[in-house]
Amino acid sequence: MTKAIETAIKLLETFPEPTQEHLVEELRRLAVEAQDEAKWDEQFTRRSTGLKSAARKAREEIAKGKALDMDFDKL
């Protein structure tokens, strides 16, 4: 356990039990939110890498004259 967590626990212990319960629930909510944000960040990073790779490939095909104009009527 880190010093920061020990300090937070000591601080929480100074409150009445109902307040402790409320604060712990808020901490849980914040922790879940942080986990969710971390997952989104990881997914975005992975997708970003894939998008960069696709863009690089498209630029190479354009430079080699292999790219065709998009026919939006066929979509």
C-alpha atoms as a PDB file:
ATOM      1  CA  MET A   1       0.000   0.000   0.000  1.00  0.00           C
ATOM      2  CA  THR A   2       1.319   3.424  -0.911  1.00  0.00           C
ATOM      3  CA  LYS A   3       1.707   6.337   1.475  1.00  0.00           C
ATOM      4  CA  ALA A   4      -0.976   8.198  -0.467  1.00  0.00           C
ATOM      5  CA  ILE A   5      -3.499   5.418   0.126  1.00  0.00           C
ATOM      6  CA  GLU A   6      -2.538   5.181   3.801  1.00  0.00           C
ATOM      7  CA  THR A   7      -3.030   8.943   4.138  1.00  0.00           C
ATOM      8  CA  ALA A   8      -6.414   8.774   2.401  1.00  0.00           C
ATOM      9  CA  ILE A   9      -7.569   5.964   4.691  1.00  0.00           C
ATOM     10  CA  LYS A  10      -6.494   7.885   7.779  1.00  0.00           C
ATOM     11  CA  LEU A  11      -8.387  10.914   6.519  1.00  0.00           C
ATOM     12  CA  LEU A  12     -11.510   8.861   5.782  1.00  0.00           C
ATOM     13  CA  GLU A  13     -11.405   7.387   9.283  1.00  0.00           C
ATOM     14  CA  THR A  14     -11.905  10.870  10.747  1.00  0.00           C
ATOM     15  CA  PHE A  15     -15.448  11.070   9.311  1.00  0.00           C
ATOM     16  CA  PRO A  16     -18.615   9.496  10.713  1.00  0.00           C
ATOM     17  CA  GLU A  17     -19.469   6.102   9.205  1.00  0.00           C
ATOM     18  CA  PRO A  18     -22.257   7.337   6.877  1.00  0.00           C
ATOM     19  CA  THR A  19     -19.903   9.933   5.441  1.00  0.00           C
ATOM     20  CA  GLN A  20     -17.182   7.297   5.067  1.00  0.00           C
ATOM     21  CA  GLU A  21     -19.601   5.092   3.116  1.00  0.00           C
ATOM     22  CA  HIS A  22     -20.538   7.989   0.852  1.00  0.00           C
ATOM     23  CA  LEU A  23     -16.907   8.965   0.230  1.00  0.00           C
ATOM     24  CA  VAL A  24     -15.857   5.376  -0.463  1.00  0.00           C
ATOM     25  CA  GLU A  25     -18.700   5.035  -2.972  1.00  0.00           C
ATOM     26  CA  GLU A  26     -17.510   8.221  -4.689  1.00  0.00           C
ATOM     27  CA  LEU A  27     -13.939   6.882  -4.781  1.00  0.00           C
ATOM     28  CA  ARG A  28     -15.204   3.625  -6.286  1.00  0.00           C
ATOM     29  CA  ARG A  29     -17.116   5.560  -8.946  1.00  0.00           C
ATOM     30  CA  LEU A  30     -14.031   7.622  -9.775  1.00  0.00           C
ATOM     31  CA  ALA A  31     -11.857   4.497  -9.959  1.00  0.00           C
ATOM     32  CA  VAL A  32     -14.283   2.784 -12.350  1.00  0.00           C
ATOM     33  CA  GLU A  33     -14.410   5.945 -14.462  1.00  0.00           C
ATOM     34  CA  ALA A  34     -10.586   6.069 -14.562  1.00  0.00           C
ATOM     35  CA  GLN A  35     -10.457   2.424 -15.651  1.00  0.00           C
ATOM     36  CA  ASP A  36     -12.978   3.128 -18.401  1.00  0.00           C
ATOM     37  CA  GLU A  37     -10.977   6.135 -19.602  1.00  0.00           C
ATOM     38  CA  ALA A  38      -7.807   4.020 -19.656  1.00  0.00           C
ATOM     39  CA  LYS A  39      -9.560   1.410 -21.831  1.00  0.00           C
ATOM     40  CA  TRP A  40     -10.737   4.098 -24.265  1.00  0.00           C
ATOM     41  CA  ASP A  41      -7.232   5.580 -24.405  1.00  0.00           C
ATOM     42  CA  GLU A  42      -5.746   2.147 -25.142  1.00  0.00           C
ATOM     43  CA  GLN A  43      -8.299   1.420 -27.861  1.00  0.00           C
ATOM     44  CA  PHE A  44      -7.781   4.824 -29.437  1.00  0.00           C
ATOM     45  CA  THR A  45      -4.013   4.327 -29.454  1.00  0.00           C
ATOM     46  CA  ARG A  46      -4.369   0.941 -31.164  1.00  0.00           C
ATOM     47  CA  ARG A  47      -6.811   2.299 -33.742  1.00  0.00           C
ATOM     48  CA  SER A  48      -4.699   5.385 -34.281  1.00  0.00           C
ATOM     49  CA  THR A  49      -1.735   3.187 -35.168  1.00  0.00           C
ATOM     50  CA  GLY A  50      -3.894   1.290 -37.666  1.00  0.00           C
ATOM     51  CA  LEU A  51      -5.165   4.519 -39.192  1.00  0.00           C
ATOM     52  CA  LYS A  52      -1.622   5.853 -39.535  1.00  0.00           C
ATOM     53  CA  SER A  53      -0.605   2.642 -41.280  1.00  0.00           C
ATOM     54  CA  ALA A  54      -3.564   2.849 -43.673  1.00  0.00           C
ATOM     55  CA  ALA A  55      -2.807   6.506 -44.431  1.00  0.00           C
ATOM     56  CA  ARG A  56       0.857   5.672 -45.108  1.00  0.00           C
ATOM     57  CA  LYS A  57      -0.186   2.886 -47.496  1.00  0.00           C
ATOM     58  CA  ALA A  58      -2.627   5.208 -49.278  1.00  0.00           C
ATOM     59  CA  ARG A  59       0.070   7.869 -49.739  1.00  0.00           C
ATOM     60  CA  GLU A  60       2.431   5.238 -51.172  1.00  0.00           C
ATOM     61  CA  GLU A  61      -0.222   4.029 -53.623  1.00  0.00           C
ATOM     62  CA  ILE A  62      -0.958   7.606 -54.692  1.00  0.00           C
ATOM     63  CA  ALA A  63       2.759   8.274 -55.204  1.00  0.00           C
ATOM     64  CA  LYS A  64       3.066   5.101 -57.341  1.00  0.00           C
ATOM     65  CA  GLY A  65       0.006   6.041 -59.390  1.00  0.00           C
ATOM     66  CA  LYS A  66      -1.908   2.975 -58.174  1.00  0.00           C
ATOM     67  CA  ALA A  67      -4.711   4.874 -56.444  1.00  0.00           C
ATOM     68  CA  LEU A  68      -8.093   5.359 -58.082  1.00  0.00           C
ATOM     69  CA  ASP A  69     -10.553   8.172 -57.493  1.00  0.00           C
ATOM     70  CA  MET A  70     -13.404   7.262 -55.175  1.00  0.00           C
ATOM     71  CA  ASP A  71     -16.689   6.606 -56.991  1.00  0.00           C
ATOM     72  CA  PHE A  72     -19.229   7.805 -54.457  1.00  0.00           C
ATOM     73  CA  ASP A  73     -22.148   6.726 -56.671  1.00  0.00           C
ATOM     74  CA  LYS A  74     -21.189   3.068 -56.110  1.00  0.00           C
ATOM     75  CA  LEU A  75     -21.358   3.341 -52.323  1.00  0.00           C
END
